[in-house]
Amino acid sequence: MTQALTKYLERQVAELKEEWASGAFTDQSQFGTAIKNAKAIGCCEMCDRVIGFSYDDVLGEKEDGQGNTRE
């Protein structure tokens, strides 16, 4: 992943944490609050997964031109 994308995702996670601390994910009902919090957690987890990708994770298995695959 590019450094710019990594920095962007890190800023997104930091912004979500700030919003969380300020109560932005609170709703009038407990269920609504749970849903908003679950969405925020999922977003943070996905950002962390993308930040942690390696070159091989992104490419996956590739053929070597002779029908053989590598991991």
PDB file of N, CA and C in Angstrom:
ATOM      1  N   MET A   1       0.848  -1.180   0.000  1.00  0.00           N
ATOM      2  CA  MET A   1       0.000   0.000   0.000  1.00  0.00           C
ATOM      3  C   MET A   1       0.890   1.240   0.000  1.00  0.00           C
ATOM      4  N   THR A   2       0.373   2.245  -0.603  1.00  0.00           N
ATOM      5  CA  THR A   2       1.167   3.470  -0.632  1.00  0.00           C
ATOM      6  C   THR A   2       1.177   4.127   0.736  1.00  0.00           C
ATOM      7  N   GLN A   3       2.200   4.914   0.965  1.00  0.00           N
ATOM      8  CA  GLN A   3       2.294   5.632   2.237  1.00  0.00           C
ATOM      9  C   GLN A   3       1.155   6.636   2.376  1.00  0.00           C
ATOM     10  N   ALA A   4       0.741   7.241   1.269  1.00  0.00           N
ATOM     11  CA  ALA A   4      -0.341   8.222   1.319  1.00  0.00           C
ATOM     12  C   ALA A   4      -1.646   7.569   1.757  1.00  0.00           C
ATOM     13  N   LEU A   5      -1.942   6.376   1.228  1.00  0.00           N
ATOM     14  CA  LEU A   5      -3.156   5.669   1.621  1.00  0.00           C
ATOM     15  C   LEU A   5      -3.096   5.278   3.089  1.00  0.00           C
ATOM     16  N   THR A   6      -1.948   4.805   3.526  1.00  0.00           N
ATOM     17  CA  THR A   6      -1.780   4.425   4.931  1.00  0.00           C
ATOM     18  C   THR A   6      -2.028   5.624   5.847  1.00  0.00           C
ATOM     19  N   LYS A   7      -1.444   6.754   5.509  1.00  0.00           N
ATOM     20  CA  LYS A   7      -1.637   7.960   6.330  1.00  0.00           C
ATOM     21  C   LYS A   7      -3.099   8.392   6.324  1.00  0.00           C
ATOM     22  N   TYR A   8      -3.752   8.313   5.167  1.00  0.00           N
ATOM     23  CA  TYR A   8      -5.168   8.670   5.071  1.00  0.00           C
ATOM     24  C   TYR A   8      -6.004   7.785   5.988  1.00  0.00           C
ATOM     25  N   LEU A   9      -5.781   6.479   5.928  1.00  0.00           N
ATOM     26  CA  LEU A   9      -6.554   5.556   6.756  1.00  0.00           C
ATOM     27  C   LEU A   9      -6.272   5.767   8.239  1.00  0.00           C
ATOM     28  N   GLU A  10      -5.037   6.053   8.584  1.00  0.00           N
ATOM     29  CA  GLU A  10      -4.708   6.340   9.985  1.00  0.00           C
ATOM     30  C   GLU A  10      -5.438   7.592  10.460  1.00  0.00           C
ATOM     31  N   ARG A  11      -5.536   8.609   9.600  1.00  0.00           N
ATOM     32  CA  ARG A  11      -6.292   9.824   9.966  1.00  0.00           C
ATOM     33  C   ARG A  11      -7.774   9.513  10.125  1.00  0.00           C
ATOM     34  N   GLN A  12      -8.311   8.649   9.254  1.00  0.00           N
ATOM     35  CA  GLN A  12      -9.722   8.274   9.358  1.00  0.00           C
ATOM     36  C   GLN A  12     -10.004   7.595  10.697  1.00  0.00           C
ATOM     37  N   VAL A  13      -9.126   6.692  11.095  1.00  0.00           N
ATOM     38  CA  VAL A  13      -9.296   5.999  12.381  1.00  0.00           C
ATOM     39  C   VAL A  13      -9.219   7.003  13.531  1.00  0.00           C
ATOM     40  N   ALA A  14      -8.263   7.921  13.465  1.00  0.00           N
ATOM     41  CA  ALA A  14      -8.127   8.936  14.522  1.00  0.00           C
ATOM     42  C   ALA A  14      -9.371   9.806  14.592  1.00  0.00           C
ATOM     43  N   GLU A  15      -9.927  10.183  13.428  1.00  0.00           N
ATOM     44  CA  GLU A  15     -11.141  11.000  13.408  1.00  0.00           C
ATOM     45  C   GLU A  15     -12.321  10.239  13.995  1.00  0.00           C
ATOM     46  N   LEU A  16     -12.445   8.963  13.669  1.00  0.00           N
ATOM     47  CA  LEU A  16     -13.519   8.151  14.242  1.00  0.00           C
ATOM     48  C   LEU A  16     -13.404   8.080  15.761  1.00  0.00           C
ATOM     49  N   LYS A  17     -12.178   7.938  16.258  1.00  0.00           N
ATOM     50  CA  LYS A  17     -11.975   7.892  17.713  1.00  0.00           C
ATOM     51  C   LYS A  17     -12.378   9.208  18.364  1.00  0.00           C
ATOM     52  N   GLU A  18     -12.052  10.317  17.711  1.00  0.00           N
ATOM     53  CA  GLU A  18     -12.447  11.627  18.247  1.00  0.00           C
ATOM     54  C   GLU A  18     -13.964  11.781  18.247  1.00  0.00           C
ATOM     55  N   GLU A  19     -14.604  11.364  17.158  1.00  0.00           N
ATOM     56  CA  GLU A  19     -16.067  11.429  17.088  1.00  0.00           C
ATOM     57  C   GLU A  19     -16.692  10.557  18.163  1.00  0.00           C
ATOM     58  N   TRP A  20     -16.114   9.388  18.364  1.00  0.00           N
ATOM     59  CA  TRP A  20     -16.611   8.467  19.377  1.00  0.00           C
ATOM     60  C   TRP A  20     -16.535   9.105  20.758  1.00  0.00           C
ATOM     61  N   ALA A  21     -15.379   9.710  21.050  1.00  0.00           N
ATOM     62  CA  ALA A  21     -15.184  10.352  22.352  1.00  0.00           C
ATOM     63  C   ALA A  21     -16.158  11.495  22.575  1.00  0.00           C
ATOM     64  N   SER A  22     -16.579  12.147  21.506  1.00  0.00           N
ATOM     65  CA  SER A  22     -17.514  13.274  21.640  1.00  0.00           C
ATOM     66  C   SER A  22     -18.974  12.829  21.619  1.00  0.00           C
ATOM     67  N   GLY A  23     -19.220  11.519  21.520  1.00  0.00           N
ATOM     68  CA  GLY A  23     -20.587  11.010  21.574  1.00  0.00           C
ATOM     69  C   GLY A  23     -21.325  11.008  20.260  1.00  0.00           C
ATOM     70  N   ALA A  24     -20.604  11.086  19.156  1.00  0.00           N
ATOM     71  CA  ALA A  24     -21.243  11.154  17.840  1.00  0.00           C
ATOM     72  C   ALA A  24     -21.985   9.871  17.458  1.00  0.00           C
ATOM     73  N   PHE A  25     -21.683   8.791  18.125  1.00  0.00           N
ATOM     74  CA  PHE A  25     -22.315   7.518  17.774  1.00  0.00           C
ATOM     75  C   PHE A  25     -23.393   7.108  18.785  1.00  0.00           C
ATOM     76  N   THR A  26     -23.970   8.095  19.433  1.00  0.00           N
ATOM     77  CA  THR A  26     -25.051   7.868  20.386  1.00  0.00           C
ATOM     78  C   THR A  26     -26.375   8.140  19.686  1.00  0.00           C
ATOM     79  N   ASP A  27     -27.355   7.309  19.946  1.00  0.00           N
ATOM     80  CA  ASP A  27     -28.672   7.441  19.347  1.00  0.00           C
ATOM     81  C   ASP A  27     -29.715   7.546  20.460  1.00  0.00           C
ATOM     82  N   GLN A  28     -30.947   7.804  20.092  1.00  0.00           N
ATOM     83  CA  GLN A  28     -32.013   7.909  21.090  1.00  0.00           C
ATOM     84  C   GLN A  28     -32.338   6.571  21.731  1.00  0.00           C
ATOM     85  N   SER A  29     -32.065   5.482  21.011  1.00  0.00           N
ATOM     86  CA  SER A  29     -32.340   4.163  21.583  1.00  0.00           C
ATOM     87  C   SER A  29     -31.036   3.395  21.774  1.00  0.00           C
ATOM     88  N   GLN A  30     -31.067   2.407  22.649  1.00  0.00           N
ATOM     89  CA  GLN A  30     -29.891   1.569  22.863  1.00  0.00           C
ATOM     90  C   GLN A  30     -29.544   0.800  21.590  1.00  0.00           C
ATOM     91  N   PHE A  31     -30.572   0.338  20.886  1.00  0.00           N
ATOM     92  CA  PHE A  31     -30.349  -0.405  19.654  1.00  0.00           C
ATOM     93  C   PHE A  31     -29.667   0.486  18.607  1.00  0.00           C
ATOM     94  N   GLY A  32     -30.152   1.700  18.455  1.00  0.00           N
ATOM     95  CA  GLY A  32     -29.552   2.638  17.511  1.00  0.00           C
ATOM     96  C   GLY A  32     -28.109   2.946  17.858  1.00  0.00           C
ATOM     97  N   THR A  33     -27.835   3.114  19.147  1.00  0.00           N
ATOM     98  CA  THR A  33     -26.464   3.359  19.597  1.00  0.00           C
ATOM     99  C   THR A  33     -25.582   2.154  19.291  1.00  0.00           C
ATOM    100  N   ALA A  34     -26.096   0.958  19.537  1.00  0.00           N
ATOM    101  CA  ALA A  34     -25.330  -0.259  19.264  1.00  0.00           C
ATOM    102  C   ALA A  34     -25.000  -0.370  17.772  1.00  0.00           C
ATOM    103  N   ILE A  35     -25.957  -0.051  16.922  1.00  0.00           N
ATOM    104  CA  ILE A  35     -25.734  -0.128  15.478  1.00  0.00           C
ATOM    105  C   ILE A  35     -24.676   0.888  15.045  1.00  0.00           C
ATOM    106  N   LYS A  36     -24.795   2.119  15.511  1.00  0.00           N
ATOM    107  CA  LYS A  36     -23.823   3.155  15.149  1.00  0.00           C
ATOM    108  C   LYS A  36     -22.422   2.782  15.630  1.00  0.00           C
ATOM    109  N   ASN A  37     -22.336   2.246  16.836  1.00  0.00           N
ATOM    110  CA  ASN A  37     -21.042   1.832  17.370  1.00  0.00           C
ATOM    111  C   ASN A  37     -20.471   0.651  16.585  1.00  0.00           C
ATOM    112  N   ALA A  38     -21.327  -0.298  16.219  1.00  0.00           N
ATOM    113  CA  ALA A  38     -20.861  -1.450  15.448  1.00  0.00           C
ATOM    114  C   ALA A  38     -20.326  -1.015  14.086  1.00  0.00           C
ATOM    115  N   LYS A  39     -20.993  -0.061  13.446  1.00  0.00           N
ATOM    116  CA  LYS A  39     -20.508   0.446  12.159  1.00  0.00           C
ATOM    117  C   LYS A  39     -19.143   1.112  12.311  1.00  0.00           C
ATOM    118  N   ALA A  40     -18.976   1.893  13.358  1.00  0.00           N
ATOM    119  CA  ALA A  40     -17.704   2.583  13.590  1.00  0.00           C
ATOM    120  C   ALA A  40     -16.591   1.581  13.879  1.00  0.00           C
ATOM    121  N   ILE A  41     -16.902   0.562  14.666  1.00  0.00           N
ATOM    122  CA  ILE A  41     -15.910  -0.473  14.967  1.00  0.00           C
ATOM    123  C   ILE A  41     -15.513  -1.195  13.685  1.00  0.00           C
ATOM    124  N   GLY A  42     -16.498  -1.541  12.866  1.00  0.00           N
ATOM    125  CA  GLY A  42     -16.213  -2.212  11.601  1.00  0.00           C
ATOM    126  C   GLY A  42     -15.344  -1.370  10.690  1.00  0.00           C
ATOM    127  N   CYS A  43     -15.607  -0.085  10.645  1.00  0.00           N
ATOM    128  CA  CYS A  43     -14.809   0.819   9.821  1.00  0.00           C
ATOM    129  C   CYS A  43     -13.361   0.858  10.308  1.00  0.00           C
ATOM    130  N   CYS A  44     -13.176   0.975  11.608  1.00  0.00           N
ATOM    131  CA  CYS A  44     -11.821   0.983  12.179  1.00  0.00           C
ATOM    132  C   CYS A  44     -11.106  -0.333  11.904  1.00  0.00           C
ATOM    133  N   GLU A  45     -11.817  -1.441  12.050  1.00  0.00           N
ATOM    134  CA  GLU A  45     -11.194  -2.741  11.803  1.00  0.00           C
ATOM    135  C   GLU A  45     -10.786  -2.878  10.343  1.00  0.00           C
ATOM    136  N   MET A  46     -11.631  -2.428   9.416  1.00  0.00           N
ATOM    137  CA  MET A  46     -11.292  -2.523   8.007  1.00  0.00           C
ATOM    138  C   MET A  46     -10.100  -1.630   7.669  1.00  0.00           C
ATOM    139  N   CYS A  47     -10.068  -0.434   8.223  1.00  0.00           N
ATOM    140  CA  CYS A  47      -8.914   0.445   8.004  1.00  0.00           C
ATOM    141  C   CYS A  47      -7.644  -0.227   8.495  1.00  0.00           C
ATOM    142  N   ASP A  48      -7.693  -0.835   9.667  1.00  0.00           N
ATOM    143  CA  ASP A  48      -6.520  -1.524  10.214  1.00  0.00           C
ATOM    144  C   ASP A  48      -6.095  -2.698   9.331  1.00  0.00           C
ATOM    145  N   ARG A  49      -7.071  -3.419   8.768  1.00  0.00           N
ATOM    146  CA  ARG A  49      -6.732  -4.540   7.883  1.00  0.00           C
ATOM    147  C   ARG A  49      -6.028  -4.042   6.631  1.00  0.00           C
ATOM    148  N   VAL A  50      -6.535  -2.970   6.039  1.00  0.00           N
ATOM    149  CA  VAL A  50      -5.923  -2.436   4.823  1.00  0.00           C
ATOM    150  C   VAL A  50      -4.533  -1.888   5.133  1.00  0.00           C
ATOM    151  N   ILE A  51      -4.392  -1.201   6.255  1.00  0.00           N
ATOM    152  CA  ILE A  51      -3.080  -0.683   6.657  1.00  0.00           C
ATOM    153  C   ILE A  51      -2.083  -1.829   6.785  1.00  0.00           C
ATOM    154  N   GLY A  52      -2.520  -2.977   7.241  1.00  0.00           N
ATOM    155  CA  GLY A  52      -1.641  -4.121   7.459  1.00  0.00           C
ATOM    156  C   GLY A  52      -1.370  -4.977   6.235  1.00  0.00           C
ATOM    157  N   PHE A  53      -2.011  -4.669   5.079  1.00  0.00           N
ATOM    158  CA  PHE A  53      -1.787  -5.461   3.871  1.00  0.00           C
ATOM    159  C   PHE A  53      -0.328  -5.432   3.448  1.00  0.00           C
ATOM    160  N   SER A  54       0.149  -6.567   2.983  1.00  0.00           N
ATOM    161  CA  SER A  54       1.477  -6.623   2.377  1.00  0.00           C
ATOM    162  C   SER A  54       1.298  -6.719   0.864  1.00  0.00           C
ATOM    163  N   TYR A  55       2.378  -6.585   0.138  1.00  0.00           N
ATOM    164  CA  TYR A  55       2.358  -6.692  -1.317  1.00  0.00           C
ATOM    165  C   TYR A  55       1.786  -8.038  -1.742  1.00  0.00           C
ATOM    166  N   ASP A  56       2.212  -9.114  -1.089  1.00  0.00           N
ATOM    167  CA  ASP A  56       1.729 -10.452  -1.424  1.00  0.00           C
ATOM    168  C   ASP A  56       0.259 -10.643  -1.086  1.00  0.00           C
ATOM    169  N   ASP A  57      -0.220 -10.009  -0.014  1.00  0.00           N
ATOM    170  CA  ASP A  57      -1.638 -10.092   0.335  1.00  0.00           C
ATOM    171  C   ASP A  57      -2.501  -9.528  -0.785  1.00  0.00           C
ATOM    172  N   VAL A  58      -2.057  -8.445  -1.368  1.00  0.00           N
ATOM    173  CA  VAL A  58      -2.822  -7.783  -2.416  1.00  0.00           C
ATOM    174  C   VAL A  58      -2.797  -8.599  -3.705  1.00  0.00           C
ATOM    175  N   LEU A  59      -1.640  -9.160  -4.066  1.00  0.00           N
ATOM    176  CA  LEU A  59      -1.524  -9.916  -5.306  1.00  0.00           C
ATOM    177  C   LEU A  59      -2.133 -11.303  -5.227  1.00  0.00           C
ATOM    178  N   GLY A  60      -2.032 -11.941  -4.067  1.00  0.00           N
ATOM    179  CA  GLY A  60      -2.531 -13.306  -3.927  1.00  0.00           C
ATOM    180  C   GLY A  60      -1.696 -14.264  -4.750  1.00  0.00           C
ATOM    181  N   GLU A  61      -2.327 -15.340  -5.211  1.00  0.00           N
ATOM    182  CA  GLU A  61      -1.611 -16.331  -6.015  1.00  0.00           C
ATOM    183  C   GLU A  61      -1.454 -15.805  -7.434  1.00  0.00           C
ATOM    184  N   LYS A  62      -0.282 -15.981  -8.001  1.00  0.00           N
ATOM    185  CA  LYS A  62       0.009 -15.559  -9.368  1.00  0.00           C
ATOM    186  C   LYS A  62       0.549 -16.742 -10.153  1.00  0.00           C
ATOM    187  N   GLU A  63       0.164 -16.830 -11.427  1.00  0.00           N
ATOM    188  CA  GLU A  63       0.719 -17.851 -12.291  1.00  0.00           C
ATOM    189  C   GLU A  63       2.098 -17.424 -12.758  1.00  0.00           C
ATOM    190  N   ASP A  64       2.973 -18.406 -12.945  1.00  0.00           N
ATOM    191  CA  ASP A  64       4.336 -18.106 -13.377  1.00  0.00           C
ATOM    192  C   ASP A  64       4.502 -18.130 -14.905  1.00  0.00           C
ATOM    193  N   GLY A  65       3.403 -18.202 -15.639  1.00  0.00           N
ATOM    194  CA  GLY A  65       3.457 -18.242 -17.096  1.00  0.00           C
ATOM    195  C   GLY A  65       3.464 -19.670 -17.638  1.00  0.00           C
ATOM    196  N   GLN A  66       3.660 -20.647 -16.774  1.00  0.00           N
ATOM    197  CA  GLN A  66       3.685 -22.049 -17.188  1.00  0.00           C
ATOM    198  C   GLN A  66       2.558 -22.829 -16.532  1.00  0.00           C
ATOM    199  N   GLY A  67       1.549 -22.116 -16.040  1.00  0.00           N
ATOM    200  CA  GLY A  67       0.419 -22.774 -15.404  1.00  0.00           C
ATOM    201  C   GLY A  67       0.603 -23.089 -13.944  1.00  0.00           C
ATOM    202  N   ASN A  68       1.779 -22.793 -13.395  1.00  0.00           N
ATOM    203  CA  ASN A  68       2.050 -23.013 -11.975  1.00  0.00           C
ATOM    204  C   ASN A  68       1.678 -21.765 -11.197  1.00  0.00           C
ATOM    205  N   THR A  69       1.198 -21.971 -10.004  1.00  0.00           N
ATOM    206  CA  THR A  69       0.867 -20.815  -9.164  1.00  0.00           C
ATOM    207  C   THR A  69       1.818 -20.746  -7.994  1.00  0.00           C
ATOM    208  N   ARG A  70       1.998 -19.530  -7.505  1.00  0.00           N
ATOM    209  CA  ARG A  70       2.813 -19.319  -6.321  1.00  0.00           C
ATOM    210  C   ARG A  70       1.955 -18.574  -5.319  1.00  0.00           C
ATOM    211  N   GLU A  71       2.282 -18.716  -4.059  1.00  0.00           N
ATOM    212  CA  GLU A  71       1.566 -17.969  -3.028  1.00  0.00           C
ATOM    213  C   GLU A  71       2.412 -16.848  -2.538  1.00  0.00           C
TER     214      GLU A  71
END
